[in-house]
């Protein structure tokens, strides 16, 4: 699943660790999301979308 978590995180000036802390996940989870090795659960996808103030469809694309 394609996503633009990295772009949004970098635009916000956050490290992976800082975003992970804000989302309640590890830095490794953020890294895995950004590199496409891990697709988030639906609750985590909603949390990410809420954090960035965007609809899920803008952040995640099933391609």
PDB file of N, CA and C in Angstrom:
ATOM      1  N   UNK A   1       0.849  -1.171   0.000  1.00  0.00           N
ATOM      2  CA  UNK A   1       0.000   0.000   0.000  1.00  0.00           C
ATOM      3  C   UNK A   1       0.896   1.237   0.000  1.00  0.00           C
ATOM      4  N   UNK A   2       0.675   2.100  -0.944  1.00  0.00           N
ATOM      5  CA  UNK A   2       1.431   3.346  -1.016  1.00  0.00           C
ATOM      6  C   UNK A   2       0.903   4.324   0.036  1.00  0.00           C
ATOM      7  N   UNK A   3       1.804   5.096   0.610  1.00  0.00           N
ATOM      8  CA  UNK A   3       1.371   6.127   1.550  1.00  0.00           C
ATOM      9  C   UNK A   3       2.347   7.302   1.490  1.00  0.00           C
ATOM     10  N   UNK A   4       1.912   8.427   2.024  1.00  0.00           N
ATOM     11  CA  UNK A   4       2.799   9.587   2.055  1.00  0.00           C
ATOM     12  C   UNK A   4       3.100  10.024   3.493  1.00  0.00           C
ATOM     13  N   UNK A   5       3.238   9.032   4.376  1.00  0.00           N
ATOM     14  CA  UNK A   5       3.550   9.316   5.778  1.00  0.00           C
ATOM     15  C   UNK A   5       4.899  10.025   5.879  1.00  0.00           C
ATOM     16  N   UNK A   6       5.906   9.548   5.162  1.00  0.00           N
ATOM     17  CA  UNK A   6       7.233  10.161   5.238  1.00  0.00           C
ATOM     18  C   UNK A   6       7.174  11.636   4.836  1.00  0.00           C
ATOM     19  N   UNK A   7       6.519  11.935   3.734  1.00  0.00           N
ATOM     20  CA  UNK A   7       6.435  13.319   3.264  1.00  0.00           C
ATOM     21  C   UNK A   7       5.738  14.209   4.287  1.00  0.00           C
ATOM     22  N   UNK A   8       4.659  13.713   4.836  1.00  0.00           N
ATOM     23  CA  UNK A   8       3.927  14.509   5.835  1.00  0.00           C
ATOM     24  C   UNK A   8       4.744  14.677   7.120  1.00  0.00           C
ATOM     25  N   UNK A   9       5.426  13.612   7.530  1.00  0.00           N
ATOM     26  CA  UNK A   9       6.262  13.694   8.738  1.00  0.00           C
ATOM     27  C   UNK A   9       7.376  14.699   8.545  1.00  0.00           C
ATOM     28  N   UNK A  10       8.066  14.612   7.403  1.00  0.00           N
ATOM     29  CA  UNK A  10       9.173  15.539   7.141  1.00  0.00           C
ATOM     30  C   UNK A  10       8.682  16.980   7.013  1.00  0.00           C
ATOM     31  N   UNK A  11       7.526  17.176   6.379  1.00  0.00           N
ATOM     32  CA  UNK A  11       6.966  18.528   6.254  1.00  0.00           C
ATOM     33  C   UNK A  11       6.629  19.117   7.622  1.00  0.00           C
ATOM     34  N   UNK A  12       6.270  18.244   8.564  1.00  0.00           N
ATOM     35  CA  UNK A  12       5.955  18.689   9.924  1.00  0.00           C
ATOM     36  C   UNK A  12       7.210  18.850  10.775  1.00  0.00           C
ATOM     37  N   UNK A  13       8.372  18.476  10.226  1.00  0.00           N
ATOM     38  CA  UNK A  13       9.627  18.607  10.969  1.00  0.00           C
ATOM     39  C   UNK A  13       9.775  17.599  12.090  1.00  0.00           C
ATOM     40  N   UNK A  14       9.184  16.423  11.917  1.00  0.00           N
ATOM     41  CA  UNK A  14       9.221  15.405  12.967  1.00  0.00           C
ATOM     42  C   UNK A  14      10.208  14.296  12.625  1.00  0.00           C
ATOM     43  N   UNK A  15      10.820  13.751  13.641  1.00  0.00           N
ATOM     44  CA  UNK A  15      11.620  12.538  13.460  1.00  0.00           C
ATOM     45  C   UNK A  15      10.670  11.345  13.487  1.00  0.00           C
ATOM     46  N   UNK A  16      11.164  10.201  13.057  1.00  0.00           N
ATOM     47  CA  UNK A  16      10.350   8.989  13.145  1.00  0.00           C
ATOM     48  C   UNK A  16       9.997   8.693  14.595  1.00  0.00           C
ATOM     49  N   UNK A  17      10.940   8.903  15.488  1.00  0.00           N
ATOM     50  CA  UNK A  17      10.692   8.642  16.914  1.00  0.00           C
ATOM     51  C   UNK A  17       9.605   9.566  17.461  1.00  0.00           C
ATOM     52  N   UNK A  18       9.650  10.841  17.070  1.00  0.00           N
ATOM     53  CA  UNK A  18       8.654  11.795  17.556  1.00  0.00           C
ATOM     54  C   UNK A  18       7.262  11.448  17.038  1.00  0.00           C
ATOM     55  N   UNK A  19       7.174  11.086  15.763  1.00  0.00           N
ATOM     56  CA  UNK A  19       5.871  10.700  15.228  1.00  0.00           C
ATOM     57  C   UNK A  19       5.385   9.424  15.893  1.00  0.00           C
ATOM     58  N   UNK A  20       6.277   8.469  16.075  1.00  0.00           N
ATOM     59  CA  UNK A  20       5.896   7.230  16.751  1.00  0.00           C
ATOM     60  C   UNK A  20       5.346   7.496  18.139  1.00  0.00           C
ATOM     61  N   UNK A  21       6.016   8.373  18.881  1.00  0.00           N
ATOM     62  CA  UNK A  21       5.556   8.713  20.228  1.00  0.00           C
ATOM     63  C   UNK A  21       4.171   9.354  20.182  1.00  0.00           C
ATOM     64  N   UNK A  22       3.947  10.231  19.215  1.00  0.00           N
ATOM     65  CA  UNK A  22       2.650  10.900  19.093  1.00  0.00           C
ATOM     66  C   UNK A  22       1.539   9.915  18.725  1.00  0.00           C
ATOM     67  N   UNK A  23       1.899   8.868  17.970  1.00  0.00           N
ATOM     68  CA  UNK A  23       0.906   7.890  17.523  1.00  0.00           C
ATOM     69  C   UNK A  23       0.777   6.702  18.462  1.00  0.00           C
ATOM     70  N   UNK A  24       1.710   6.582  19.411  1.00  0.00           N
ATOM     71  CA  UNK A  24       1.694   5.447  20.334  1.00  0.00           C
ATOM     72  C   UNK A  24       2.270   4.180  19.744  1.00  0.00           C
ATOM     73  N   UNK A  25       3.210   4.345  18.776  1.00  0.00           N
ATOM     74  CA  UNK A  25       3.891   3.200  18.169  1.00  0.00           C
ATOM     75  C   UNK A  25       5.393   3.452  18.222  1.00  0.00           C
ATOM     76  N   UNK A  26       6.162   2.448  17.862  1.00  0.00           N
ATOM     77  CA  UNK A  26       7.618   2.597  17.907  1.00  0.00           C
ATOM     78  C   UNK A  26       8.155   3.308  16.664  1.00  0.00           C
ATOM     79  N   UNK A  27       9.385   3.774  16.752  1.00  0.00           N
ATOM     80  CA  UNK A  27      10.069   4.366  15.613  1.00  0.00           C
ATOM     81  C   UNK A  27      10.172   3.337  14.497  1.00  0.00           C
ATOM     82  N   UNK A  28      10.403   2.088  14.870  1.00  0.00           N
ATOM     83  CA  UNK A  28      10.516   1.022  13.881  1.00  0.00           C
ATOM     84  C   UNK A  28       9.211   0.827  13.105  1.00  0.00           C
ATOM     85  N   UNK A  29       8.094   0.977  13.782  1.00  0.00           N
ATOM     86  CA  UNK A  29       6.801   0.865  13.102  1.00  0.00           C
ATOM     87  C   UNK A  29       6.643   1.993  12.097  1.00  0.00           C
ATOM     88  N   UNK A  30       7.011   3.203  12.479  1.00  0.00           N
ATOM     89  CA  UNK A  30       6.937   4.341  11.552  1.00  0.00           C
ATOM     90  C   UNK A  30       7.835   4.078  10.347  1.00  0.00           C
ATOM     91  N   UNK A  31       9.047   3.594  10.596  1.00  0.00           N
ATOM     92  CA  UNK A  31       9.957   3.280   9.501  1.00  0.00           C
ATOM     93  C   UNK A  31       9.355   2.232   8.574  1.00  0.00           C
ATOM     94  N   UNK A  32       8.773   1.195   9.139  1.00  0.00           N
ATOM     95  CA  UNK A  32       8.171   0.134   8.332  1.00  0.00           C
ATOM     96  C   UNK A  32       6.988   0.649   7.513  1.00  0.00           C
ATOM     97  N   UNK A  33       6.210   1.551   8.084  1.00  0.00           N
ATOM     98  CA  UNK A  33       5.111   2.169   7.343  1.00  0.00           C
ATOM     99  C   UNK A  33       5.646   2.955   6.160  1.00  0.00           C
ATOM    100  N   UNK A  34       6.665   3.764   6.430  1.00  0.00           N
ATOM    101  CA  UNK A  34       7.208   4.641   5.396  1.00  0.00           C
ATOM    102  C   UNK A  34       7.856   3.874   4.251  1.00  0.00           C
ATOM    103  N   UNK A  35       8.439   2.745   4.540  1.00  0.00           N
ATOM    104  CA  UNK A  35       9.119   1.972   3.505  1.00  0.00           C
ATOM    105  C   UNK A  35       8.206   0.936   2.854  1.00  0.00           C
ATOM    106  N   UNK A  36       6.960   0.861   3.302  1.00  0.00           N
ATOM    107  CA  UNK A  36       6.007  -0.052   2.699  1.00  0.00           C
ATOM    108  C   UNK A  36       6.122  -1.496   3.143  1.00  0.00           C
ATOM    109  N   UNK A  37       6.902  -1.748   4.190  1.00  0.00           N
ATOM    110  CA  UNK A  37       7.031  -3.122   4.693  1.00  0.00           C
ATOM    111  C   UNK A  37       5.878  -3.506   5.608  1.00  0.00           C
ATOM    112  N   UNK A  38       5.092  -2.523   6.022  1.00  0.00           N
ATOM    113  CA  UNK A  38       4.017  -2.774   6.986  1.00  0.00           C
ATOM    114  C   UNK A  38       2.811  -1.932   6.595  1.00  0.00           C
ATOM    115  N   UNK A  39       1.658  -2.552   6.479  1.00  0.00           N
ATOM    116  CA  UNK A  39       0.404  -1.836   6.277  1.00  0.00           C
ATOM    117  C   UNK A  39      -0.257  -1.677   7.636  1.00  0.00           C
ATOM    118  N   UNK A  40      -0.678  -0.472   7.967  1.00  0.00           N
ATOM    119  CA  UNK A  40      -1.235  -0.244   9.304  1.00  0.00           C
ATOM    120  C   UNK A  40      -2.587  -0.915   9.482  1.00  0.00           C
ATOM    121  N   UNK A  41      -2.905  -1.204  10.729  1.00  0.00           N
ATOM    122  CA  UNK A  41      -4.257  -1.657  11.050  1.00  0.00           C
ATOM    123  C   UNK A  41      -5.208  -0.487  10.782  1.00  0.00           C
ATOM    124  N   UNK A  42      -6.475  -0.776  10.663  1.00  0.00           N
ATOM    125  CA  UNK A  42      -7.447   0.286  10.421  1.00  0.00           C
ATOM    126  C   UNK A  42      -7.449   1.330  11.541  1.00  0.00           C
ATOM    127  N   UNK A  43      -7.409   0.919  12.820  1.00  0.00           N
ATOM    128  CA  UNK A  43      -7.347   1.934  13.876  1.00  0.00           C
ATOM    129  C   UNK A  43      -6.094   2.814  13.780  1.00  0.00           C
ATOM    130  N   UNK A  44      -4.943   2.227  13.439  1.00  0.00           N
ATOM    131  CA  UNK A  44      -3.726   3.030  13.310  1.00  0.00           C
ATOM    132  C   UNK A  44      -3.829   3.960  12.107  1.00  0.00           C
ATOM    133  N   UNK A  45      -4.404   3.497  11.016  1.00  0.00           N
ATOM    134  CA  UNK A  45      -4.578   4.357   9.840  1.00  0.00           C
ATOM    135  C   UNK A  45      -5.456   5.555  10.193  1.00  0.00           C
ATOM    136  N   UNK A  46      -6.530   5.337  10.946  1.00  0.00           N
ATOM    137  CA  UNK A  46      -7.379   6.445  11.379  1.00  0.00           C
ATOM    138  C   UNK A  46      -6.614   7.401  12.288  1.00  0.00           C
ATOM    139  N   UNK A  47      -5.794   6.855  13.182  1.00  0.00           N
ATOM    140  CA  UNK A  47      -5.003   7.693  14.087  1.00  0.00           C
ATOM    141  C   UNK A  47      -4.025   8.562  13.298  1.00  0.00           C
ATOM    142  N   UNK A  48      -3.362   7.980  12.306  1.00  0.00           N
ATOM    143  CA  UNK A  48      -2.423   8.732  11.468  1.00  0.00           C
ATOM    144  C   UNK A  48      -3.158   9.838  10.713  1.00  0.00           C
ATOM    145  N   UNK A  49      -4.288   9.500  10.110  1.00  0.00           N
ATOM    146  CA  UNK A  49      -5.059  10.489   9.363  1.00  0.00           C
ATOM    147  C   UNK A  49      -5.525  11.623  10.271  1.00  0.00           C
ATOM    148  N   UNK A  50      -6.003  11.271  11.445  1.00  0.00           N
ATOM    149  CA  UNK A  50      -6.444  12.288  12.404  1.00  0.00           C
ATOM    150  C   UNK A  50      -5.275  13.171  12.816  1.00  0.00           C
ATOM    151  N   UNK A  51      -4.113  12.558  13.063  1.00  0.00           N
ATOM    152  CA  UNK A  51      -2.932  13.322  13.480  1.00  0.00           C
ATOM    153  C   UNK A  51      -2.560  14.366  12.433  1.00  0.00           C
ATOM    154  N   UNK A  52      -2.591  13.969  11.165  1.00  0.00           N
ATOM    155  CA  UNK A  52      -2.206  14.889  10.096  1.00  0.00           C
ATOM    156  C   UNK A  52      -3.373  15.726   9.580  1.00  0.00           C
ATOM    157  N   UNK A  53      -4.563  15.520  10.127  1.00  0.00           N
ATOM    158  CA  UNK A  53      -5.721  16.319   9.744  1.00  0.00           C
ATOM    159  C   UNK A  53      -6.126  16.127   8.292  1.00  0.00           C
ATOM    160  N   UNK A  54      -6.059  14.880   7.824  1.00  0.00           N
ATOM    161  CA  UNK A  54      -6.380  14.585   6.432  1.00  0.00           C
ATOM    162  C   UNK A  54      -7.205  13.303   6.366  1.00  0.00           C
ATOM    163  N   UNK A  55      -8.000  13.165   5.315  1.00  0.00           N
ATOM    164  CA  UNK A  55      -8.729  11.912   5.139  1.00  0.00           C
ATOM    165  C   UNK A  55      -7.767  10.752   4.895  1.00  0.00           C
ATOM    166  N   UNK A  56      -8.137   9.570   5.311  1.00  0.00           N
ATOM    167  CA  UNK A  56      -7.308   8.383   5.102  1.00  0.00           C
ATOM    168  C   UNK A  56      -6.933   8.239   3.623  1.00  0.00           C
ATOM    169  N   UNK A  57      -7.872   8.522   2.738  1.00  0.00           N
ATOM    170  CA  UNK A  57      -7.644   8.343   1.305  1.00  0.00           C
ATOM    171  C   UNK A  57      -6.525   9.238   0.771  1.00  0.00           C
ATOM    172  N   UNK A  58      -6.262  10.356   1.454  1.00  0.00           N
ATOM    173  CA  UNK A  58      -5.169  11.237   1.026  1.00  0.00           C
ATOM    174  C   UNK A  58      -3.809  10.699   1.455  1.00  0.00           C
ATOM    175  N   UNK A  59      -3.781   9.935   2.513  1.00  0.00           N
ATOM    176  CA  UNK A  59      -2.507   9.433   3.054  1.00  0.00           C
ATOM    177  C   UNK A  59      -2.183   8.043   2.528  1.00  0.00           C
ATOM    178  N   UNK A  60      -3.197   7.207   2.425  1.00  0.00           N
ATOM    179  CA  UNK A  60      -2.994   5.812   2.003  1.00  0.00           C
ATOM    180  C   UNK A  60      -3.695   5.545   0.675  1.00  0.00           C
ATOM    181  N   UNK A  61      -3.024   4.829  -0.201  1.00  0.00           N
ATOM    182  CA  UNK A  61      -3.582   4.471  -1.495  1.00  0.00           C
ATOM    183  C   UNK A  61      -3.310   2.993  -1.745  1.00  0.00           C
ATOM    184  N   UNK A  62      -4.360   2.227  -1.926  1.00  0.00           N
ATOM    185  CA  UNK A  62      -4.197   0.787  -2.144  1.00  0.00           C
ATOM    186  C   UNK A  62      -3.595   0.477  -3.512  1.00  0.00           C
ATOM    187  N   UNK A  63      -3.455   1.469  -4.347  1.00  0.00           N
ATOM    188  CA  UNK A  63      -2.899   1.358  -5.716  1.00  0.00           C
ATOM    189  C   UNK A  63      -3.764   0.465  -6.496  1.00  0.00           C
TER     190      UNK A  63
END
